């Protein structure tokens, strides 16, 4: 695989992960559960 193709695939994968994270944060229950999990670590 060539370097530009690999860079494009990596960029597309990173964009997909970011979109999935932003979509998950549209659900307030998910944000609350994550906040509780982080708080439980302390």
C-alpha atoms as a PDB file:
ATOM      1  CA  UNK A   1       0.000   0.000   0.000  1.00  0.00           C
ATOM      2  CA  UNK A   2       1.348   3.411  -0.882  1.00  0.00           C
ATOM      3  CA  UNK A   3       1.942   6.134   1.665  1.00  0.00           C
ATOM      4  CA  UNK A   4      -0.832   8.506   0.444  1.00  0.00           C
ATOM      5  CA  UNK A   5      -3.360   5.675   0.517  1.00  0.00           C
ATOM      6  CA  UNK A   6      -2.306   4.681   4.021  1.00  0.00           C
ATOM      7  CA  UNK A   7      -2.527   8.300   5.177  1.00  0.00           C
ATOM      8  CA  UNK A   8      -6.016   8.637   3.654  1.00  0.00           C
ATOM      9  CA  UNK A   9      -7.208   5.431   5.357  1.00  0.00           C
ATOM     10  CA  UNK A  10      -5.782   6.572   8.699  1.00  0.00           C
ATOM     11  CA  UNK A  11      -7.487   9.955   8.339  1.00  0.00           C
ATOM     12  CA  UNK A  12     -10.803   8.356   7.426  1.00  0.00           C
ATOM     13  CA  UNK A  13     -10.555   5.983  10.412  1.00  0.00           C
ATOM     14  CA  UNK A  14      -9.762   8.876  12.769  1.00  0.00           C
ATOM     15  CA  UNK A  15     -12.700  10.881  11.418  1.00  0.00           C
ATOM     16  CA  UNK A  16     -15.023   7.896  11.868  1.00  0.00           C
ATOM     17  CA  UNK A  17     -13.908   7.459  15.485  1.00  0.00           C
ATOM     18  CA  UNK A  18     -14.423  11.153  16.209  1.00  0.00           C
ATOM     19  CA  UNK A  19     -17.888  11.104  14.652  1.00  0.00           C
ATOM     20  CA  UNK A  20     -18.800   8.040  16.719  1.00  0.00           C
ATOM     21  CA  UNK A  21     -17.656   9.767  19.922  1.00  0.00           C
ATOM     22  CA  UNK A  22     -19.574  12.943  19.117  1.00  0.00           C
ATOM     23  CA  UNK A  23     -22.680  10.911  18.273  1.00  0.00           C
ATOM     24  CA  UNK A  24     -22.403   9.037  21.579  1.00  0.00           C
ATOM     25  CA  UNK A  25     -22.305  12.334  23.476  1.00  0.00           C
ATOM     26  CA  UNK A  26     -25.665  13.298  21.993  1.00  0.00           C
ATOM     27  CA  UNK A  27     -27.159  10.790  24.444  1.00  0.00           C
ATOM     28  CA  UNK A  28     -27.175  12.440  27.908  1.00  0.00           C
ATOM     29  CA  UNK A  29     -27.424   9.091  29.704  1.00  0.00           C
ATOM     30  CA  UNK A  30     -24.156   7.981  28.111  1.00  0.00           C
ATOM     31  CA  UNK A  31     -22.397  11.149  29.283  1.00  0.00           C
ATOM     32  CA  UNK A  32     -23.748  10.646  32.805  1.00  0.00           C
ATOM     33  CA  UNK A  33     -22.585   7.012  32.889  1.00  0.00           C
ATOM     34  CA  UNK A  34     -19.106   7.948  31.669  1.00  0.00           C
ATOM     35  CA  UNK A  35     -18.873  10.738  34.255  1.00  0.00           C
ATOM     36  CA  UNK A  36     -19.858   8.306  37.006  1.00  0.00           C
ATOM     37  CA  UNK A  37     -17.289   5.760  35.820  1.00  0.00           C
ATOM     38  CA  UNK A  38     -14.546   8.381  35.812  1.00  0.00           C
ATOM     39  CA  UNK A  39     -15.588   9.648  39.242  1.00  0.00           C
ATOM     40  CA  UNK A  40     -15.530   6.066  40.586  1.00  0.00           C
ATOM     41  CA  UNK A  41     -11.826   5.873  39.732  1.00  0.00           C
ATOM     42  CA  UNK A  42     -11.105   8.444  42.442  1.00  0.00           C
END
